[in-house]
Amino acid sequence: MQSLEILTREASALAANEVVCRTDMTQTEGEVSRIMQICNACRYCEGFCAVFPAMTRRLEFGRADVHFLANLCHNCGACLHACQYAPPHEFAVNVPQAMAKVRVNTYTEYAWPASFGALYRKNGTTVALALAGGLALFLALASMAGRPPPPSANFYSVFPHNHLVLIFGTVFLLALISLSIGVRRFWKNESPGELSVDATAEAAGSVLTLKYLGGGHGEGCNNDSDSYSLARRRFHHFTFYGFMLCFASTCVATLYHYLFALEAPYGLTSLPVFLGSLGGMSLVVGCSGLFILNLKRHPLHGDAAQKGMDRGFIALLWLAGLTGLVLLGARETGAMPILLAVHLGVVLALFLTLPYGKFAHGIYRTAALLKWSIEKRKPSSLMVEE
């Protein structure tokens, strides 16, 4: 009877064009709260992903709950195609789209400074490409300001090592601080309890394997139709591990320079070059696939207003991988200084936008998965009344 009453109430609200929303919520947050009330009564999708078991531990959905569940959602689309109340039904239950609209708002709300997050959300592709192009042009002009260096594989003949460390170290540190502030705000918004080794290990496994991009059945996501495919999961793996390989390459090169006094340039078979090359190729493959999938994405699966931000981040990662590979291939030619300036401009633009776009989405989702791993180990606060 309780389930029937909830569904009837929601249907009546929809018929009257009312918004079931608490006064402390935005319209998008209220929509997620409304949908979760319906899903909590139905529970058909309870085994699909972490969102639905986490949902069942709640009777009401305040802002903190909505933000947590929105970042726990992987937007696989499985629940949309399985739902009997999805559009065009009058209940209009669309979990992926509603969650996506709230999720992007959390990046802006928790971002520091918040104004940067709002700018990137509204003009993601334009900001990303304009920033990369402007920085590349500035660095290219700077490389030509002095006497042109002879053809060499030594990047430090164009830009001194200490200058690069100062510039990129400062930008990376600012990005790290901004992300840390944002995640801390998100975490404090709804504390799940005490951290444990088991919860951390489970969350890490879910992140590293992209467990919830397998859909509710393990056969993959829905992208442009109700058919299942593992393509999105695989291209995400290429992109994620490509980025991590490039980061590992930089870390190893740093150790070579400061710990073993081995200065660049390094040989083609050296560990930094091998890791960077593999990472660059993985980024190009992964980002190319994700861009194609993004173009074909079903309009009900996500928020159309976020396409610019999504594609801007994909473009920067793709350009970082491609320009790095081109630079490696031409590092002993006269084109090296210009190619180096272009690559550094793209990477610098990527670092500057990290806290405000889809990279932040990965960090917040990791925090949400860790929250869920902690929460599920606690007894439920809900009491079943006989």
Protein backbone atom coordinates (compact mmCIF):
# COMPACT_ATOMS: atom_id res chain seq x y z
CA MET A 1 0.00 0.00 0.00
CA GLN A 2 2.84 2.39 0.80
CA SER A 3 4.38 1.90 -2.65
CA LEU A 4 1.04 2.46 -4.33
CA GLU A 5 0.49 5.66 -2.34
CA ILE A 6 3.92 7.01 -3.27
CA LEU A 7 3.45 6.32 -6.97
CA THR A 8 -0.05 7.78 -6.92
CA ARG A 9 1.19 10.93 -5.25
CA GLU A 10 3.96 11.37 -7.80
CA ALA A 11 1.59 10.80 -10.70
CA SER A 12 -0.79 13.43 -9.34
CA ALA A 13 2.04 15.92 -8.95
CA LEU A 14 3.14 15.35 -12.53
CA ALA A 15 -0.39 15.74 -13.84
CA ALA A 16 -0.67 19.09 -12.09
CA ASN A 17 2.80 20.15 -13.36
CA GLU A 18 4.02 20.44 -9.78
CA VAL A 19 7.64 20.08 -8.72
CA VAL A 20 8.16 17.74 -5.81
CA CYS A 21 11.07 19.57 -4.32
CA ARG A 22 12.14 20.59 -0.86
CA THR A 23 12.67 24.29 -0.37
CA ASP A 24 16.42 23.87 0.13
CA MET A 25 16.87 22.15 -3.25
CA THR A 26 17.31 23.36 -6.78
CA GLN A 27 14.90 22.13 -9.42
CA THR A 28 17.40 19.55 -10.71
CA GLU A 29 18.05 18.25 -7.19
CA GLY A 30 14.32 18.08 -6.55
CA GLU A 31 13.87 16.01 -9.70
CA VAL A 32 16.40 13.45 -8.48
CA SER A 33 14.64 13.35 -5.10
CA ARG A 34 11.29 12.79 -6.84
CA ILE A 35 12.67 10.01 -9.02
CA MET A 36 14.39 8.30 -6.11
CA GLN A 37 11.09 8.18 -4.23
CA ILE A 38 9.53 6.32 -7.16
CA CYS A 39 12.53 4.02 -7.57
CA ASN A 40 12.53 3.29 -3.85
CA ALA A 41 8.96 2.08 -4.16
CA CYS A 42 9.61 -0.01 -7.28
CA ARG A 43 13.14 -1.40 -6.69
CA TYR A 44 13.21 -3.30 -9.99
CA CYS A 45 16.75 -2.01 -10.67
CA GLU A 46 18.10 -2.74 -7.20
CA GLY A 47 20.81 -5.07 -8.49
CA PHE A 48 21.96 -2.87 -11.38
CA CYS A 49 24.61 -0.70 -9.71
CA ALA A 50 25.60 0.91 -6.42
CA VAL A 51 23.03 3.71 -6.73
CA PHE A 52 20.00 1.57 -6.01
CA PRO A 53 21.25 -0.35 -2.93
CA ALA A 54 22.43 3.01 -1.52
CA MET A 55 19.00 4.43 -2.30
CA THR A 56 17.20 1.70 -0.35
CA ARG A 57 19.01 2.77 2.84
CA ARG A 58 17.11 6.07 2.73
CA LEU A 59 13.49 7.09 3.07
CA GLU A 60 14.06 10.76 2.22
CA PHE A 61 16.53 12.37 -0.15
CA GLY A 62 18.00 15.68 0.94
CA ARG A 63 20.67 17.65 -0.95
CA ALA A 64 23.54 15.66 0.55
CA ASP A 65 21.86 12.36 -0.41
CA VAL A 66 21.13 13.60 -3.93
CA HIS A 67 24.72 14.77 -4.46
CA PHE A 68 26.07 11.47 -3.18
CA LEU A 69 23.81 9.33 -5.39
CA ALA A 70 24.40 11.53 -8.46
CA ASN A 71 28.16 11.03 -8.23
CA LEU A 72 27.69 7.32 -7.55
CA CYS A 73 25.83 6.98 -10.88
CA HIS A 74 28.05 5.91 -13.79
CA ASN A 75 25.49 6.90 -16.44
CA CYS A 76 25.52 3.42 -18.00
CA GLY A 77 21.88 3.80 -19.11
CA ALA A 78 20.81 0.29 -18.13
CA CYS A 79 18.14 1.44 -15.67
CA LEU A 80 16.55 3.77 -18.23
CA HIS A 81 15.90 0.97 -20.71
CA ALA A 82 14.70 -1.40 -17.99
CA CYS A 83 12.32 1.08 -16.35
CA GLN A 84 8.59 0.69 -16.89
CA TYR A 85 8.09 4.31 -15.79
CA ALA A 86 10.61 5.86 -18.21
CA PRO A 87 9.45 8.44 -20.78
CA PRO A 88 6.94 8.59 -22.38
CA HIS A 89 5.25 7.29 -19.20
CA GLU A 90 3.66 10.07 -17.16
CA PHE A 91 6.08 9.44 -14.27
CA ALA A 92 8.96 10.34 -16.66
CA VAL A 93 11.59 8.46 -14.65
CA ASN A 94 15.01 9.08 -16.23
CA VAL A 95 17.69 8.33 -13.66
CA PRO A 96 20.80 8.84 -15.88
CA GLN A 97 19.72 12.25 -17.16
CA ALA A 98 18.53 13.55 -13.79
CA MET A 99 21.75 12.39 -12.11
CA ALA A 100 23.89 13.95 -14.84
CA LYS A 101 22.27 17.36 -14.36
CA VAL A 102 22.92 17.29 -10.62
CA ARG A 103 26.41 15.86 -11.00
CA VAL A 104 27.69 18.78 -13.07
CA ASN A 105 26.26 21.19 -10.49
CA THR A 106 28.32 19.54 -7.76
CA TYR A 107 31.51 20.24 -9.73
CA THR A 108 30.56 23.92 -9.78
CA GLU A 109 29.28 24.11 -6.21
CA TYR A 110 32.25 22.40 -4.61
CA ALA A 111 34.86 23.80 -7.01
CA TRP A 112 37.40 26.35 -5.85
CA PRO A 113 37.24 29.05 -7.11
CA ALA A 114 33.57 28.43 -8.03
CA SER A 115 33.56 31.05 -10.81
CA PHE A 116 36.09 29.01 -12.82
CA GLY A 117 33.86 25.96 -12.59
CA ALA A 118 30.85 27.89 -13.89
CA LEU A 119 32.82 29.30 -16.83
CA TYR A 120 34.15 25.91 -17.89
CA ARG A 121 30.76 24.22 -17.53
CA LYS A 122 29.08 26.70 -19.88
CA ASN A 123 31.84 26.92 -22.49
CA GLY A 124 33.90 23.76 -22.04
CA THR A 125 35.12 23.09 -25.57
CA THR A 126 35.70 26.77 -26.36
CA VAL A 127 37.59 27.43 -23.12
CA ALA A 128 39.70 24.26 -23.46
CA LEU A 129 40.77 24.86 -27.07
CA ALA A 130 41.20 28.62 -26.68
CA LEU A 131 43.33 28.14 -23.57
CA ALA A 132 45.47 25.46 -25.22
CA GLY A 133 45.89 27.55 -28.38
CA GLY A 134 46.72 30.74 -26.46
CA LEU A 135 49.28 29.04 -24.23
CA ALA A 136 50.85 27.22 -27.18
CA LEU A 137 51.18 30.50 -29.11
CA PHE A 138 52.71 32.25 -26.09
CA LEU A 139 55.24 29.46 -25.58
CA ALA A 140 56.02 29.32 -29.30
CA LEU A 141 56.77 33.05 -29.33
CA ALA A 142 58.87 32.63 -26.19
CA SER A 143 60.86 29.83 -27.84
CA MET A 144 61.70 32.13 -30.75
CA ALA A 145 62.61 35.12 -28.58
CA GLY A 146 66.19 34.04 -28.18
CA ARG A 147 68.68 32.50 -30.57
CA PRO A 148 67.13 29.42 -32.22
CA PRO A 149 68.73 26.27 -30.81
CA PRO A 150 70.33 23.76 -33.19
CA PRO A 151 68.31 20.64 -34.04
CA SER A 152 68.46 18.57 -30.88
CA ALA A 153 66.38 16.20 -28.80
CA ASN A 154 67.13 18.30 -25.70
CA PHE A 155 63.94 20.14 -24.75
CA TYR A 156 65.83 22.14 -22.14
CA SER A 157 67.74 23.90 -24.92
CA VAL A 158 64.42 25.60 -25.70
CA PHE A 159 62.98 26.04 -22.21
CA PRO A 160 65.31 25.74 -19.20
CA HIS A 161 64.49 22.89 -16.86
CA ASN A 162 64.00 25.11 -13.81
CA HIS A 163 61.56 27.35 -15.69
CA LEU A 164 59.42 24.37 -16.71
CA VAL A 165 59.47 22.96 -13.19
CA LEU A 166 58.38 26.31 -11.76
CA ILE A 167 55.54 26.83 -14.26
CA PHE A 168 54.12 23.31 -14.36
CA GLY A 169 54.79 22.62 -10.69
CA THR A 170 52.86 25.73 -9.67
CA VAL A 171 49.91 25.00 -11.96
CA PHE A 172 49.75 21.35 -10.92
CA LEU A 173 49.93 22.32 -7.23
CA LEU A 174 47.08 24.84 -7.67
CA ALA A 175 44.99 22.18 -9.45
CA LEU A 176 45.70 19.71 -6.66
CA ILE A 177 44.72 22.25 -3.99
CA SER A 178 41.51 23.12 -5.83
CA LEU A 179 40.54 19.45 -6.22
CA SER A 180 41.37 18.74 -2.58
CA ILE A 181 39.17 21.59 -1.36
CA GLY A 182 36.29 20.46 -3.59
CA VAL A 183 36.46 16.80 -2.54
CA ARG A 184 36.76 17.77 1.12
CA ARG A 185 33.58 19.85 0.81
CA PHE A 186 31.83 16.97 -0.92
CA TRP A 187 32.95 14.46 1.70
CA LYS A 188 31.93 16.62 4.66
CA ASN A 189 28.52 17.18 3.09
CA GLU A 190 27.50 13.69 4.21
CA SER A 191 30.01 11.75 6.27
CA PRO A 192 29.52 7.99 5.74
CA GLY A 193 31.41 6.80 8.81
CA GLU A 194 34.86 5.47 9.63
CA LEU A 195 37.30 4.44 6.93
CA SER A 196 38.50 0.83 6.84
CA VAL A 197 41.00 -1.20 4.83
CA ASP A 198 38.25 -3.42 3.40
CA ALA A 199 36.14 -0.45 2.27
CA THR A 200 39.14 1.26 0.69
CA ALA A 201 40.19 -1.90 -1.16
CA GLU A 202 36.67 -2.48 -2.48
CA ALA A 203 36.34 1.11 -3.69
CA ALA A 204 39.78 0.98 -5.33
CA GLY A 205 38.81 -2.22 -7.14
CA SER A 206 35.59 -0.65 -8.42
CA VAL A 207 37.53 2.38 -9.71
CA LEU A 208 40.41 0.49 -11.34
CA THR A 209 38.14 -2.02 -13.10
CA LEU A 210 35.32 0.46 -13.88
CA LYS A 211 33.02 -2.17 -12.41
CA TYR A 212 29.79 -0.23 -12.83
CA LEU A 213 30.35 0.50 -16.52
CA GLY A 214 29.39 -3.10 -17.09
CA GLY A 215 25.69 -2.29 -16.75
CA GLY A 216 23.32 -4.14 -14.46
CA HIS A 217 24.11 -7.49 -16.09
CA GLY A 218 27.83 -7.23 -16.76
CA GLU A 219 27.42 -7.15 -20.55
CA GLY A 220 28.12 -3.45 -20.89
CA CYS A 221 26.44 -0.06 -21.20
CA ASN A 222 23.70 1.29 -23.39
CA ASN A 223 24.93 4.11 -25.57
CA ASP A 224 22.83 5.01 -28.61
CA SER A 225 20.13 2.35 -28.18
CA ASP A 226 18.93 -0.37 -25.81
CA SER A 227 21.64 -2.75 -27.06
CA TYR A 228 24.56 -3.52 -24.74
CA SER A 229 28.22 -2.91 -25.47
CA LEU A 230 31.49 -2.89 -23.50
CA ALA A 231 32.95 -0.23 -25.83
CA ARG A 232 32.44 2.62 -23.37
CA ARG A 233 34.12 0.69 -20.58
CA ARG A 234 37.09 -0.28 -22.78
CA PHE A 235 37.65 3.23 -24.14
CA HIS A 236 37.47 4.58 -20.59
CA HIS A 237 40.16 2.06 -19.65
CA PHE A 238 42.38 3.18 -22.54
CA THR A 239 41.95 6.80 -21.49
CA PHE A 240 42.38 6.27 -17.75
CA TYR A 241 45.42 4.04 -17.97
CA GLY A 242 46.89 6.15 -20.76
CA PHE A 243 46.77 9.16 -18.47
CA MET A 244 48.29 7.17 -15.62
CA LEU A 245 51.11 5.89 -17.85
CA CYS A 246 51.95 9.45 -18.90
CA PHE A 247 51.92 10.52 -15.26
CA ALA A 248 54.17 7.56 -14.39
CA SER A 249 56.54 8.59 -17.19
CA THR A 250 56.85 12.07 -15.69
CA CYS A 251 57.42 10.64 -12.21
CA VAL A 252 60.15 8.27 -13.42
CA ALA A 253 61.86 11.07 -15.36
CA THR A 254 61.79 13.21 -12.20
CA LEU A 255 63.45 10.42 -10.23
CA TYR A 256 66.06 10.00 -12.97
CA HIS A 257 66.85 13.72 -12.88
CA TYR A 258 66.97 14.39 -9.15
CA LEU A 259 67.83 11.01 -7.63
CA PHE A 260 70.20 9.50 -10.19
CA ALA A 261 71.42 12.72 -11.86
CA LEU A 262 70.38 11.37 -15.26
CA GLU A 263 69.24 14.32 -17.36
CA ALA A 264 67.01 14.32 -20.44
CA PRO A 265 66.89 13.62 -23.31
CA TYR A 266 66.38 9.91 -22.70
CA GLY A 267 66.74 7.18 -25.29
CA LEU A 268 63.78 5.70 -27.12
CA THR A 269 64.13 2.46 -25.13
CA SER A 270 64.37 4.19 -21.74
CA LEU A 271 61.60 3.70 -19.19
CA PRO A 272 60.31 7.32 -19.24
CA VAL A 273 60.03 7.33 -23.05
CA PHE A 274 58.50 3.84 -23.16
CA LEU A 275 55.85 4.71 -20.55
CA GLY A 276 55.11 8.07 -22.19
CA SER A 277 54.81 6.55 -25.67
CA LEU A 278 52.50 3.79 -24.49
CA GLY A 279 50.45 6.30 -22.52
CA GLY A 280 50.18 8.69 -25.48
CA MET A 281 48.97 5.95 -27.82
CA SER A 282 46.48 4.75 -25.22
CA LEU A 283 45.14 8.30 -24.80
CA VAL A 284 44.68 8.75 -28.54
CA VAL A 285 42.81 5.45 -28.88
CA GLY A 286 40.67 5.94 -25.78
CA CYS A 287 39.74 9.57 -26.46
CA SER A 288 38.95 8.87 -30.12
CA GLY A 289 36.56 6.12 -29.06
CA LEU A 290 34.94 8.20 -26.32
CA PHE A 291 34.43 11.13 -28.71
CA ILE A 292 32.67 8.90 -31.25
CA LEU A 293 30.49 7.39 -28.52
CA ASN A 294 29.70 10.89 -27.25
CA LEU A 295 28.52 11.95 -30.71
CA LYS A 296 26.24 8.91 -30.93
CA ARG A 297 24.99 9.03 -27.33
CA HIS A 298 21.23 8.62 -26.90
CA PRO A 299 19.71 12.03 -25.99
CA LEU A 300 17.90 10.57 -22.96
CA HIS A 301 21.12 9.17 -21.45
CA GLY A 302 22.65 12.43 -20.32
CA ASP A 303 22.50 16.20 -20.14
CA ALA A 304 22.87 17.87 -23.55
CA ALA A 305 24.14 21.05 -21.86
CA GLN A 306 27.27 19.18 -20.73
CA LYS A 307 28.44 18.13 -24.18
CA GLY A 308 30.78 21.11 -24.46
CA MET A 309 32.47 20.32 -21.16
CA ASP A 310 32.70 16.61 -21.98
CA ARG A 311 34.15 17.16 -25.43
CA GLY A 312 36.52 19.88 -24.23
CA PHE A 313 38.15 17.48 -21.78
CA ILE A 314 38.29 14.68 -24.34
CA ALA A 315 39.88 17.08 -26.85
CA LEU A 316 42.58 18.19 -24.41
CA LEU A 317 43.48 14.62 -23.48
CA TRP A 318 43.52 13.57 -27.15
CA LEU A 319 45.70 16.54 -28.12
CA ALA A 320 48.06 15.90 -25.20
CA GLY A 321 48.61 12.32 -26.35
CA LEU A 322 48.88 13.16 -30.05
CA THR A 323 51.21 16.18 -29.70
CA GLY A 324 53.41 14.18 -27.33
CA LEU A 325 53.80 11.39 -29.89
CA VAL A 326 54.47 13.83 -32.74
CA LEU A 327 57.02 15.66 -30.60
CA LEU A 328 58.80 12.38 -29.81
CA GLY A 329 58.98 11.48 -33.49
CA ALA A 330 60.35 14.89 -34.51
CA ARG A 331 62.46 15.76 -31.48
CA GLU A 332 65.72 15.75 -33.47
CA THR A 333 64.42 18.03 -36.24
CA GLY A 334 64.20 21.79 -36.59
CA ALA A 335 60.48 21.63 -35.86
CA MET A 336 61.10 20.50 -32.30
CA PRO A 337 60.84 23.95 -30.59
CA ILE A 338 57.42 24.72 -32.12
CA LEU A 339 56.12 21.20 -31.48
CA LEU A 340 57.37 21.40 -27.90
CA ALA A 341 55.56 24.72 -27.39
CA VAL A 342 52.31 23.25 -28.75
CA HIS A 343 52.56 20.15 -26.54
CA LEU A 344 53.38 22.14 -23.42
CA GLY A 345 50.54 24.56 -24.13
CA VAL A 346 48.05 21.69 -24.36
CA VAL A 347 49.33 20.03 -21.18
CA LEU A 348 49.29 23.34 -19.30
CA ALA A 349 45.69 23.96 -20.42
CA LEU A 350 44.79 20.43 -19.27
CA PHE A 351 46.27 21.07 -15.81
CA LEU A 352 44.47 24.41 -15.48
CA THR A 353 41.07 22.87 -16.25
CA LEU A 354 41.46 19.63 -14.24
CA PRO A 355 39.47 20.75 -11.17
CA TYR A 356 36.47 22.03 -13.16
CA GLY A 357 35.52 19.39 -15.72
CA LYS A 358 35.34 15.67 -16.35
CA PHE A 359 38.57 14.95 -14.51
CA ALA A 360 36.90 16.23 -11.35
CA HIS A 361 34.02 13.90 -12.17
CA GLY A 362 36.40 10.96 -11.80
CA ILE A 363 37.67 12.20 -8.43
CA TYR A 364 34.17 12.84 -7.06
CA ARG A 365 32.98 9.45 -8.30
CA THR A 366 35.90 7.79 -6.53
CA ALA A 367 34.92 9.59 -3.32
CA ALA A 368 31.28 8.51 -3.79
CA LEU A 369 32.33 4.87 -4.30
CA LEU A 370 34.44 5.04 -1.15
CA LYS A 371 31.48 6.53 0.73
CA TRP A 372 29.28 3.67 -0.46
CA SER A 373 31.86 1.05 0.52
CA ILE A 374 31.94 2.51 4.03
CA GLU A 375 28.19 2.98 4.31
CA LYS A 376 27.25 -0.54 3.21
CA ARG A 377 29.30 -1.98 6.07
CA LYS A 378 27.20 -0.16 8.65
CA PRO A 379 23.83 -1.43 9.90
CA SER A 380 20.97 0.32 8.14
CA SER A 381 19.29 3.02 10.19
CA LEU A 382 15.90 2.12 8.69
CA MET A 383 13.54 0.20 10.95
CA VAL A 384 10.90 -2.08 9.47
CA GLU A 385 7.68 -1.72 11.34
CA GLU A 386 5.42 -4.71 11.57
